[in-house]
Amino acid sequence: MAFEPPVAVYDACVLYPFHLRNLLVQCAVDRVVEARWIDAIHDEWIHNLSANDPKILLRHLHAARELMNAVLPGARVTD
């Protein structure tokens, strides 16, 4: 029987912390889970992180978002 990883929606609260975001993305890359998110989730964690830590450049957060979407293209839900 083939392993079917569970589907997990990655909300902004788990994407906000750097290390947790990296861990969860790696879990999805390794197919431990199938990650899902929508653009509004990305908007929320990026907005909150940039508001709370102005030293982090917004372009770096947007680059992280693009990398996440590129490495896990099936994670982005659009409908």
PDB file of N, CA and C in Angstrom:
ATOM      1  N   MET A   1       0.845  -1.166   0.000  1.00  0.00           N
ATOM      2  CA  MET A   1       0.000   0.000   0.000  1.00  0.00           C
ATOM      3  C   MET A   1       0.900   1.242   0.000  1.00  0.00           C
ATOM      4  N   ALA A   2       0.608   2.184  -0.874  1.00  0.00           N
ATOM      5  CA  ALA A   2       1.393   3.417  -0.981  1.00  0.00           C
ATOM      6  C   ALA A   2       1.030   4.382   0.134  1.00  0.00           C
ATOM      7  N   PHE A   3       2.019   5.123   0.555  1.00  0.00           N
ATOM      8  CA  PHE A   3       1.807   6.133   1.590  1.00  0.00           C
ATOM      9  C   PHE A   3       1.230   7.387   0.965  1.00  0.00           C
ATOM     10  N   GLU A   4       0.129   7.841   1.485  1.00  0.00           N
ATOM     11  CA  GLU A   4      -0.477   9.101   1.065  1.00  0.00           C
ATOM     12  C   GLU A   4      -0.334  10.095   2.210  1.00  0.00           C
ATOM     13  N   PRO A   5       0.493  11.104   2.035  1.00  0.00           N
ATOM     14  CA  PRO A   5       0.686  12.057   3.130  1.00  0.00           C
ATOM     15  C   PRO A   5      -0.587  12.859   3.398  1.00  0.00           C
ATOM     16  N   PRO A   6      -0.814  13.218   4.635  1.00  0.00           N
ATOM     17  CA  PRO A   6      -1.992  14.035   4.953  1.00  0.00           C
ATOM     18  C   PRO A   6      -1.831  15.440   4.377  1.00  0.00           C
ATOM     19  N   VAL A   7      -2.946  16.058   4.097  1.00  0.00           N
ATOM     20  CA  VAL A   7      -2.950  17.436   3.619  1.00  0.00           C
ATOM     21  C   VAL A   7      -3.005  18.360   4.831  1.00  0.00           C
ATOM     22  N   ALA A   8      -2.155  19.383   4.833  1.00  0.00           N
ATOM     23  CA  ALA A   8      -2.108  20.335   5.939  1.00  0.00           C
ATOM     24  C   ALA A   8      -2.133  21.758   5.391  1.00  0.00           C
ATOM     25  N   VAL A   9      -3.051  22.552   5.896  1.00  0.00           N
ATOM     26  CA  VAL A   9      -3.083  23.967   5.538  1.00  0.00           C
ATOM     27  C   VAL A   9      -2.098  24.684   6.449  1.00  0.00           C
ATOM     28  N   TYR A  10      -1.142  25.342   5.841  1.00  0.00           N
ATOM     29  CA  TYR A  10      -0.144  26.110   6.593  1.00  0.00           C
ATOM     30  C   TYR A  10      -0.683  27.528   6.747  1.00  0.00           C
ATOM     31  N   ASP A  11      -1.137  27.852   7.929  1.00  0.00           N
ATOM     32  CA  ASP A  11      -1.692  29.169   8.209  1.00  0.00           C
ATOM     33  C   ASP A  11      -0.555  30.155   8.514  1.00  0.00           C
ATOM     34  N   ALA A  12      -0.902  31.430   8.525  1.00  0.00           N
ATOM     35  CA  ALA A  12       0.095  32.477   8.753  1.00  0.00           C
ATOM     36  C   ALA A  12       0.823  32.314  10.077  1.00  0.00           C
ATOM     37  N   CYS A  13       0.145  31.809  11.087  1.00  0.00           N
ATOM     38  CA  CYS A  13       0.770  31.689  12.413  1.00  0.00           C
ATOM     39  C   CYS A  13       1.925  30.685  12.415  1.00  0.00           C
ATOM     40  N   VAL A  14       1.928  29.717  11.524  1.00  0.00           N
ATOM     41  CA  VAL A  14       3.049  28.775  11.467  1.00  0.00           C
ATOM     42  C   VAL A  14       4.080  29.172  10.416  1.00  0.00           C
ATOM     43  N   LEU A  15       3.710  30.075   9.509  1.00  0.00           N
ATOM     44  CA  LEU A  15       4.663  30.549   8.517  1.00  0.00           C
ATOM     45  C   LEU A  15       5.424  31.786   8.995  1.00  0.00           C
ATOM     46  N   TYR A  16       4.927  32.446  10.004  1.00  0.00           N
ATOM     47  CA  TYR A  16       5.562  33.653  10.550  1.00  0.00           C
ATOM     48  C   TYR A  16       6.958  33.373  11.120  1.00  0.00           C
ATOM     49  N   PRO A  17       7.129  32.372  12.007  1.00  0.00           N
ATOM     50  CA  PRO A  17       8.474  32.131  12.557  1.00  0.00           C
ATOM     51  C   PRO A  17       9.376  31.458  11.512  1.00  0.00           C
ATOM     52  N   PHE A  18      10.557  32.022  11.327  1.00  0.00           N
ATOM     53  CA  PHE A  18      11.494  31.545  10.309  1.00  0.00           C
ATOM     54  C   PHE A  18      11.782  30.047  10.401  1.00  0.00           C
ATOM     55  N   HIS A  19      12.182  29.582  11.579  1.00  0.00           N
ATOM     56  CA  HIS A  19      12.589  28.176  11.709  1.00  0.00           C
ATOM     57  C   HIS A  19      11.412  27.221  11.524  1.00  0.00           C
ATOM     58  N   LEU A  20      10.263  27.588  12.031  1.00  0.00           N
ATOM     59  CA  LEU A  20       9.084  26.733  11.850  1.00  0.00           C
ATOM     60  C   LEU A  20       8.673  26.704  10.384  1.00  0.00           C
ATOM     61  N   ARG A  21       8.724  27.853   9.716  1.00  0.00           N
ATOM     62  CA  ARG A  21       8.404  27.911   8.281  1.00  0.00           C
ATOM     63  C   ARG A  21       9.337  26.989   7.498  1.00  0.00           C
ATOM     64  N   ASN A  22      10.638  27.078   7.780  1.00  0.00           N
ATOM     65  CA  ASN A  22      11.601  26.222   7.086  1.00  0.00           C
ATOM     66  C   ASN A  22      11.351  24.737   7.351  1.00  0.00           C
ATOM     67  N   LEU A  23      11.073  24.406   8.598  1.00  0.00           N
ATOM     68  CA  LEU A  23      10.808  23.019   8.962  1.00  0.00           C
ATOM     69  C   LEU A  23       9.575  22.485   8.229  1.00  0.00           C
ATOM     70  N   LEU A  24       8.510  23.270   8.222  1.00  0.00           N
ATOM     71  CA  LEU A  24       7.274  22.810   7.595  1.00  0.00           C
ATOM     72  C   LEU A  24       7.392  22.721   6.079  1.00  0.00           C
ATOM     73  N   VAL A  25       8.113  23.638   5.475  1.00  0.00           N
ATOM     74  CA  VAL A  25       8.337  23.545   4.032  1.00  0.00           C
ATOM     75  C   VAL A  25       9.164  22.297   3.723  1.00  0.00           C
ATOM     76  N   GLN A  26      10.180  22.032   4.537  1.00  0.00           N
ATOM     77  CA  GLN A  26      10.989  20.827   4.315  1.00  0.00           C
ATOM     78  C   GLN A  26      10.152  19.563   4.477  1.00  0.00           C
ATOM     79  N   CYS A  27       9.242  19.547   5.444  1.00  0.00           N
ATOM     80  CA  CYS A  27       8.346  18.390   5.606  1.00  0.00           C
ATOM     81  C   CYS A  27       7.514  18.163   4.344  1.00  0.00           C
ATOM     82  N   ALA A  28       7.075  19.246   3.727  1.00  0.00           N
ATOM     83  CA  ALA A  28       6.294  19.117   2.499  1.00  0.00           C
ATOM     84  C   ALA A  28       7.175  18.675   1.330  1.00  0.00           C
ATOM     85  N   VAL A  29       8.385  19.194   1.255  1.00  0.00           N
ATOM     86  CA  VAL A  29       9.318  18.766   0.207  1.00  0.00           C
ATOM     87  C   VAL A  29       9.607  17.278   0.350  1.00  0.00           C
ATOM     88  N   ASP A  30       9.755  16.818   1.575  1.00  0.00           N
ATOM     89  CA  ASP A  30      10.034  15.398   1.845  1.00  0.00           C
ATOM     90  C   ASP A  30       8.786  14.516   1.767  1.00  0.00           C
ATOM     91  N   ARG A  31       7.640  15.127   1.485  1.00  0.00           N
ATOM     92  CA  ARG A  31       6.364  14.434   1.324  1.00  0.00           C
ATOM     93  C   ARG A  31       5.871  13.783   2.614  1.00  0.00           C
ATOM     94  N   VAL A  32       6.230  14.371   3.751  1.00  0.00           N
ATOM     95  CA  VAL A  32       5.666  13.936   5.030  1.00  0.00           C
ATOM     96  C   VAL A  32       4.222  14.435   5.113  1.00  0.00           C
ATOM     97  N   VAL A  33       3.990  15.629   4.567  1.00  0.00           N
ATOM     98  CA  VAL A  33       2.650  16.213   4.446  1.00  0.00           C
ATOM     99  C   VAL A  33       2.532  16.848   3.066  1.00  0.00           C
ATOM    100  N   GLU A  34       1.304  17.102   2.661  1.00  0.00           N
ATOM    101  CA  GLU A  34       1.045  17.897   1.464  1.00  0.00           C
ATOM    102  C   GLU A  34       0.581  19.264   1.934  1.00  0.00           C
ATOM    103  N   ALA A  35       1.434  20.241   1.773  1.00  0.00           N
ATOM    104  CA  ALA A  35       1.134  21.595   2.234  1.00  0.00           C
ATOM    105  C   ALA A  35       0.131  22.268   1.313  1.00  0.00           C
ATOM    106  N   ARG A  36      -0.687  23.141   1.920  1.00  0.00           N
ATOM    107  CA  ARG A  36      -1.617  23.982   1.171  1.00  0.00           C
ATOM    108  C   ARG A  36      -1.609  25.365   1.785  1.00  0.00           C
ATOM    109  N   TRP A  37      -1.745  26.381   0.936  1.00  0.00           N
ATOM    110  CA  TRP A  37      -1.908  27.758   1.384  1.00  0.00           C
ATOM    111  C   TRP A  37      -2.560  28.563   0.279  1.00  0.00           C
ATOM    112  N   ILE A  38      -3.044  29.730   0.649  1.00  0.00           N
ATOM    113  CA  ILE A  38      -3.597  30.666  -0.324  1.00  0.00           C
ATOM    114  C   ILE A  38      -2.778  31.952  -0.236  1.00  0.00           C
ATOM    115  N   ASP A  39      -2.922  32.798  -1.242  1.00  0.00           N
ATOM    116  CA  ASP A  39      -2.153  34.038  -1.260  1.00  0.00           C
ATOM    117  C   ASP A  39      -2.421  34.903  -0.032  1.00  0.00           C
ATOM    118  N   ALA A  40      -3.653  34.895   0.455  1.00  0.00           N
ATOM    119  CA  ALA A  40      -3.986  35.708   1.634  1.00  0.00           C
ATOM    120  C   ALA A  40      -3.192  35.260   2.863  1.00  0.00           C
ATOM    121  N   ILE A  41      -2.878  33.986   2.969  1.00  0.00           N
ATOM    122  CA  ILE A  41      -2.065  33.488   4.080  1.00  0.00           C
ATOM    123  C   ILE A  41      -0.653  34.052   3.972  1.00  0.00           C
ATOM    124  N   HIS A  42      -0.089  34.012   2.773  1.00  0.00           N
ATOM    125  CA  HIS A  42       1.232  34.616   2.569  1.00  0.00           C
ATOM    126  C   HIS A  42       1.194  36.110   2.895  1.00  0.00           C
ATOM    127  N   ASP A  43       0.171  36.791   2.406  1.00  0.00           N
ATOM    128  CA  ASP A  43       0.054  38.233   2.668  1.00  0.00           C
ATOM    129  C   ASP A  43       0.046  38.519   4.164  1.00  0.00           C
ATOM    130  N   GLU A  44      -0.657  37.683   4.923  1.00  0.00           N
ATOM    131  CA  GLU A  44      -0.780  37.917   6.366  1.00  0.00           C
ATOM    132  C   GLU A  44       0.538  37.752   7.095  1.00  0.00           C
ATOM    133  N   TRP A  45       1.254  36.632   6.861  1.00  0.00           N
ATOM    134  CA  TRP A  45       2.506  36.443   7.609  1.00  0.00           C
ATOM    135  C   TRP A  45       3.562  37.450   7.168  1.00  0.00           C
ATOM    136  N   ILE A  46       3.587  37.798   5.887  1.00  0.00           N
ATOM    137  CA  ILE A  46       4.554  38.777   5.406  1.00  0.00           C
ATOM    138  C   ILE A  46       4.262  40.148   6.004  1.00  0.00           C
ATOM    139  N   HIS A  47       3.004  40.546   5.992  1.00  0.00           N
ATOM    140  CA  HIS A  47       2.619  41.841   6.561  1.00  0.00           C
ATOM    141  C   HIS A  47       2.982  41.915   8.046  1.00  0.00           C
ATOM    142  N   ASN A  48       2.604  40.900   8.808  1.00  0.00           N
ATOM    143  CA  ASN A  48       2.856  40.909  10.249  1.00  0.00           C
ATOM    144  C   ASN A  48       4.345  40.878  10.581  1.00  0.00           C
ATOM    145  N   LEU A  49       5.093  40.071   9.850  1.00  0.00           N
ATOM    146  CA  LEU A  49       6.521  39.984  10.120  1.00  0.00           C
ATOM    147  C   LEU A  49       7.222  41.298   9.776  1.00  0.00           C
ATOM    148  N   SER A  50       6.860  41.912   8.662  1.00  0.00           N
ATOM    149  CA  SER A  50       7.499  43.180   8.294  1.00  0.00           C
ATOM    150  C   SER A  50       7.084  44.297   9.244  1.00  0.00           C
ATOM    151  N   ALA A  51       5.859  44.263   9.751  1.00  0.00           N
ATOM    152  CA  ALA A  51       5.413  45.278  10.703  1.00  0.00           C
ATOM    153  C   ALA A  51       6.101  45.122  12.057  1.00  0.00           C
ATOM    154  N   ASN A  52       6.339  43.893  12.465  1.00  0.00           N
ATOM    155  CA  ASN A  52       6.932  43.633  13.782  1.00  0.00           C
ATOM    156  C   ASN A  52       8.454  43.695  13.792  1.00  0.00           C
ATOM    157  N   ASP A  53       9.073  43.538  12.625  1.00  0.00           N
ATOM    158  CA  ASP A  53      10.537  43.584  12.552  1.00  0.00           C
ATOM    159  C   ASP A  53      10.945  44.352  11.298  1.00  0.00           C
ATOM    160  N   PRO A  54      10.984  45.681  11.387  1.00  0.00           N
ATOM    161  CA  PRO A  54      11.280  46.495  10.208  1.00  0.00           C
ATOM    162  C   PRO A  54      12.684  46.303   9.641  1.00  0.00           C
ATOM    163  N   LYS A  55      13.561  45.612  10.385  1.00  0.00           N
ATOM    164  CA  LYS A  55      14.905  45.333   9.859  1.00  0.00           C
ATOM    165  C   LYS A  55      14.852  44.322   8.708  1.00  0.00           C
ATOM    166  N   ILE A  56      13.807  43.506   8.672  1.00  0.00           N
ATOM    167  CA  ILE A  56      13.670  42.506   7.608  1.00  0.00           C
ATOM    168  C   ILE A  56      13.131  43.210   6.369  1.00  0.00           C
ATOM    169  N   LEU A  57      13.861  43.084   5.291  1.00  0.00           N
ATOM    170  CA  LEU A  57      13.460  43.739   4.050  1.00  0.00           C
ATOM    171  C   LEU A  57      12.264  43.025   3.428  1.00  0.00           C
ATOM    172  N   LEU A  58      11.300  43.814   3.025  1.00  0.00           N
ATOM    173  CA  LEU A  58      10.092  43.267   2.426  1.00  0.00           C
ATOM    174  C   LEU A  58      10.416  42.438   1.188  1.00  0.00           C
ATOM    175  N   ARG A  59      11.403  42.846   0.428  1.00  0.00           N
ATOM    176  CA  ARG A  59      11.757  42.083  -0.780  1.00  0.00           C
ATOM    177  C   ARG A  59      12.257  40.680  -0.424  1.00  0.00           C
ATOM    178  N   HIS A  60      12.886  40.528   0.743  1.00  0.00           N
ATOM    179  CA  HIS A  60      13.338  39.201   1.170  1.00  0.00           C
ATOM    180  C   HIS A  60      12.148  38.305   1.526  1.00  0.00           C
ATOM    181  N   LEU A  61      11.147  38.889   2.142  1.00  0.00           N
ATOM    182  CA  LEU A  61       9.950  38.109   2.485  1.00  0.00           C
ATOM    183  C   LEU A  61       9.194  37.704   1.222  1.00  0.00           C
ATOM    184  N   HIS A  62       9.122  38.600   0.267  1.00  0.00           N
ATOM    185  CA  HIS A  62       8.461  38.255  -1.000  1.00  0.00           C
ATOM    186  C   HIS A  62       9.264  37.195  -1.760  1.00  0.00           C
ATOM    187  N   ALA A  63      10.577  37.256  -1.653  1.00  0.00           N
ATOM    188  CA  ALA A  63      11.413  36.231  -2.279  1.00  0.00           C
ATOM    189  C   ALA A  63      11.175  34.868  -1.627  1.00  0.00           C
ATOM    190  N   ALA A  64      11.023  34.862  -0.301  1.00  0.00           N
ATOM    191  CA  ALA A  64      10.720  33.605   0.399  1.00  0.00           C
ATOM    192  C   ALA A  64       9.396  33.035  -0.086  1.00  0.00           C
ATOM    193  N   ARG A  65       8.409  33.899  -0.237  1.00  0.00           N
ATOM    194  CA  ARG A  65       7.102  33.475  -0.741  1.00  0.00           C
ATOM    195  C   ARG A  65       7.241  32.851  -2.131  1.00  0.00           C
ATOM    196  N   GLU A  66       7.976  33.506  -3.016  1.00  0.00           N
ATOM    197  CA  GLU A  66       8.148  32.993  -4.378  1.00  0.00           C
ATOM    198  C   GLU A  66       8.891  31.657  -4.388  1.00  0.00           C
ATOM    199  N   LEU A  67       9.894  31.524  -3.537  1.00  0.00           N
ATOM    200  CA  LEU A  67      10.618  30.254  -3.439  1.00  0.00           C
ATOM    201  C   LEU A  67       9.706  29.141  -2.937  1.00  0.00           C
ATOM    202  N   MET A  68       8.887  29.452  -1.939  1.00  0.00           N
ATOM    203  CA  MET A  68       7.952  28.451  -1.416  1.00  0.00           C
ATOM    204  C   MET A  68       6.984  28.007  -2.507  1.00  0.00           C
ATOM    205  N   ASN A  69       6.458  28.954  -3.266  1.00  0.00           N
ATOM    206  CA  ASN A  69       5.534  28.611  -4.348  1.00  0.00           C
ATOM    207  C   ASN A  69       6.232  27.840  -5.468  1.00  0.00           C
ATOM    208  N   ALA A  70       7.510  28.151  -5.695  1.00  0.00           N
ATOM    209  CA  ALA A  70       8.254  27.462  -6.748  1.00  0.00           C
ATOM    210  C   ALA A  70       8.594  26.028  -6.368  1.00  0.00           C
ATOM    211  N   VAL A  71       9.020  25.828  -5.117  1.00  0.00           N
ATOM    212  CA  VAL A  71       9.442  24.493  -4.694  1.00  0.00           C
ATOM    213  C   VAL A  71       8.241  23.586  -4.413  1.00  0.00           C
ATOM    214  N   LEU A  72       7.095  24.179  -4.077  1.00  0.00           N
ATOM    215  CA  LEU A  72       5.880  23.410  -3.804  1.00  0.00           C
ATOM    216  C   LEU A  72       4.711  23.987  -4.616  1.00  0.00           C
ATOM    217  N   PRO A  73       4.768  23.838  -5.934  1.00  0.00           N
ATOM    218  CA  PRO A  73       3.734  24.470  -6.779  1.00  0.00           C
ATOM    219  C   PRO A  73       2.326  23.947  -6.512  1.00  0.00           C
ATOM    220  N   GLY A  74       2.206  22.755  -6.018  1.00  0.00           N
ATOM    221  CA  GLY A  74       0.881  22.203  -5.715  1.00  0.00           C
ATOM    222  C   GLY A  74       0.295  22.702  -4.416  1.00  0.00           C
ATOM    223  N   ALA A  75       1.079  23.433  -3.630  1.00  0.00           N
ATOM    224  CA  ALA A  75       0.604  23.908  -2.344  1.00  0.00           C
ATOM    225  C   ALA A  75      -0.317  25.117  -2.461  1.00  0.00           C
ATOM    226  N   ARG A  76      -0.120  25.895  -3.500  1.00  0.00           N
ATOM    227  CA  ARG A  76      -0.890  27.132  -3.666  1.00  0.00           C
ATOM    228  C   ARG A  76      -2.292  26.802  -4.206  1.00  0.00           C
ATOM    229  N   VAL A  77      -3.284  27.149  -3.410  1.00  0.00           N
ATOM    230  CA  VAL A  77      -4.688  26.929  -3.773  1.00  0.00           C
ATOM    231  C   VAL A  77      -5.222  28.258  -4.287  1.00  0.00           C
ATOM    232  N   THR A  78      -5.826  28.239  -5.464  1.00  0.00           N
ATOM    233  CA  THR A  78      -6.301  29.489  -6.055  1.00  0.00           C
ATOM    234  C   THR A  78      -7.813  29.574  -6.174  1.00  0.00           C
ATOM    235  N   ASP A  79      -8.511  28.482  -6.055  1.00  0.00           N
ATOM    236  CA  ASP A  79      -9.984  28.518  -6.188  1.00  0.00           C
ATOM    237  C   ASP A  79     -10.655  28.549  -4.848  1.00  0.00           C
TER     238      ASP A  79
END
